[in-house]
């Protein structure tokens, strides 16, 4: 039996987003392992998990709420990418890349969310 979320493009994109962010944070200095890197990793994992959770709920309204939370987590990653850049953990180009990943995923989730209404 396949779960509903497995057929959703946004869930697959959210998994890809999480993987990319985790690969970037793996290059952070060890002192950040339990600080900014951990925060970015948890926030980047959340969208895929919230999409999966929401897809199993009883109503589109509940699903839509989880999708809104997922977008909030994506915004958190985007904001944290500025902090990581400010601290010299990666370049402006890498920050812009993460920002673009976040923007693309948030737009896709928002479009799907609008289709639920």
Protein backbone atom coordinates (compact mmCIF):
# COMPACT_ATOMS: atom_id res chain seq x y z
CA UNK A 1 0.00 0.00 0.00
CA UNK A 2 1.41 3.36 -1.00
CA UNK A 3 0.71 6.36 1.18
CA UNK A 4 -0.90 9.43 -0.39
CA UNK A 5 2.21 11.57 0.16
CA UNK A 6 4.33 9.26 -2.00
CA UNK A 7 2.44 10.41 -5.08
CA UNK A 8 2.93 14.10 -4.38
CA UNK A 9 5.60 15.99 -6.31
CA UNK A 10 5.96 18.44 -3.41
CA UNK A 11 6.93 15.62 -1.06
CA UNK A 12 9.67 14.45 -3.42
CA UNK A 13 10.90 18.04 -3.84
CA UNK A 14 10.89 18.49 -0.06
CA UNK A 15 13.03 15.36 0.35
CA UNK A 16 15.47 16.73 -2.22
CA UNK A 17 15.55 20.08 -0.39
CA UNK A 18 16.36 18.34 2.88
CA UNK A 19 19.16 16.34 1.31
CA UNK A 20 20.72 19.41 -0.30
CA UNK A 21 20.60 21.46 2.90
CA UNK A 22 22.05 18.58 4.93
CA UNK A 23 24.92 18.27 2.45
CA UNK A 24 25.70 21.97 2.82
CA UNK A 25 25.54 21.98 6.63
CA UNK A 26 27.89 18.99 6.76
CA UNK A 27 30.63 21.43 5.75
CA UNK A 28 30.02 23.75 8.73
CA UNK A 29 32.65 23.88 11.47
CA UNK A 30 32.28 21.36 14.31
CA UNK A 31 31.26 24.09 16.77
CA UNK A 32 28.06 24.52 14.75
CA UNK A 33 27.09 20.84 14.81
CA UNK A 34 24.55 21.39 17.60
CA UNK A 35 23.70 24.97 16.77
CA UNK A 36 23.00 26.56 13.38
CA UNK A 37 23.70 23.38 11.38
CA UNK A 38 21.30 21.39 13.54
CA UNK A 39 18.67 24.12 13.30
CA UNK A 40 18.94 24.24 9.52
CA UNK A 41 18.82 20.45 9.26
CA UNK A 42 15.72 20.13 11.44
CA UNK A 43 13.97 22.95 9.57
CA UNK A 44 14.88 21.41 6.20
CA UNK A 45 13.58 18.00 7.29
CA UNK A 46 10.25 19.40 8.49
CA UNK A 47 8.56 20.17 5.15
CA UNK A 48 8.67 16.57 3.91
CA UNK A 49 7.46 15.32 7.27
CA UNK A 50 4.67 17.90 7.49
CA UNK A 51 3.53 17.08 3.95
CA UNK A 52 3.41 13.39 4.84
CA UNK A 53 1.58 14.07 8.10
CA UNK A 54 -0.92 16.42 6.50
CA UNK A 55 -1.69 14.04 3.67
CA UNK A 56 -2.96 11.51 6.17
CA UNK A 57 -5.33 13.85 7.97
CA UNK A 58 -9.10 13.87 7.55
CA UNK A 59 -9.69 17.21 5.86
CA UNK A 60 -8.11 19.46 3.29
CA UNK A 61 -8.19 22.25 5.87
CA UNK A 62 -5.97 20.23 8.20
CA UNK A 63 -3.67 19.32 5.32
CA UNK A 64 -3.51 22.97 4.25
CA UNK A 65 -2.52 23.98 7.78
CA UNK A 66 0.40 21.53 7.73
CA UNK A 67 1.45 22.88 4.34
CA UNK A 68 1.49 26.38 5.83
CA UNK A 69 3.74 25.13 8.61
CA UNK A 70 6.01 23.54 6.00
CA UNK A 71 6.39 26.89 4.24
CA UNK A 72 7.31 28.45 7.58
CA UNK A 73 10.08 25.90 8.04
CA UNK A 74 11.37 26.64 4.54
CA UNK A 75 11.50 30.34 5.42
CA UNK A 76 13.51 29.41 8.50
CA UNK A 77 16.11 27.68 6.33
CA UNK A 78 16.27 30.70 4.02
CA UNK A 79 16.82 33.03 7.00
CA UNK A 80 19.44 30.73 8.51
CA UNK A 81 21.32 30.72 5.22
CA UNK A 82 21.92 34.45 5.68
CA UNK A 83 23.35 33.79 9.15
CA UNK A 84 25.59 31.02 7.84
CA UNK A 85 26.87 33.31 5.12
CA UNK A 86 27.42 36.11 7.65
CA UNK A 87 29.53 33.71 9.73
CA UNK A 88 31.63 32.74 6.72
CA UNK A 89 30.43 29.14 6.45
CA UNK A 90 29.70 29.57 2.76
CA UNK A 91 29.70 32.14 -0.02
CA UNK A 92 27.03 34.54 -1.23
CA UNK A 93 26.59 32.22 -4.20
CA UNK A 94 25.81 29.25 -1.95
CA UNK A 95 23.41 31.38 0.12
CA UNK A 96 21.66 32.40 -3.09
CA UNK A 97 21.47 28.76 -4.18
CA UNK A 98 19.83 27.72 -0.90
CA UNK A 99 17.51 30.71 -1.13
CA UNK A 100 16.45 29.65 -4.64
CA UNK A 101 15.84 26.05 -3.50
CA UNK A 102 13.70 27.39 -0.66
CA UNK A 103 11.78 29.80 -2.87
CA UNK A 104 11.05 27.14 -5.48
CA UNK A 105 9.81 24.64 -2.90
CA UNK A 106 7.68 27.21 -1.07
CA UNK A 107 6.05 28.27 -4.36
CA UNK A 108 5.27 24.66 -5.30
CA UNK A 109 3.78 23.93 -1.89
CA UNK A 110 1.73 27.13 -2.00
CA UNK A 111 0.38 26.26 -5.46
CA UNK A 112 -0.59 22.79 -4.25
CA UNK A 113 -2.11 24.32 -1.12
CA UNK A 114 -4.25 26.63 -3.27
CA UNK A 115 -5.51 23.61 -5.22
CA UNK A 116 -6.90 22.13 -2.01
CA UNK A 117 -9.32 25.02 -1.54
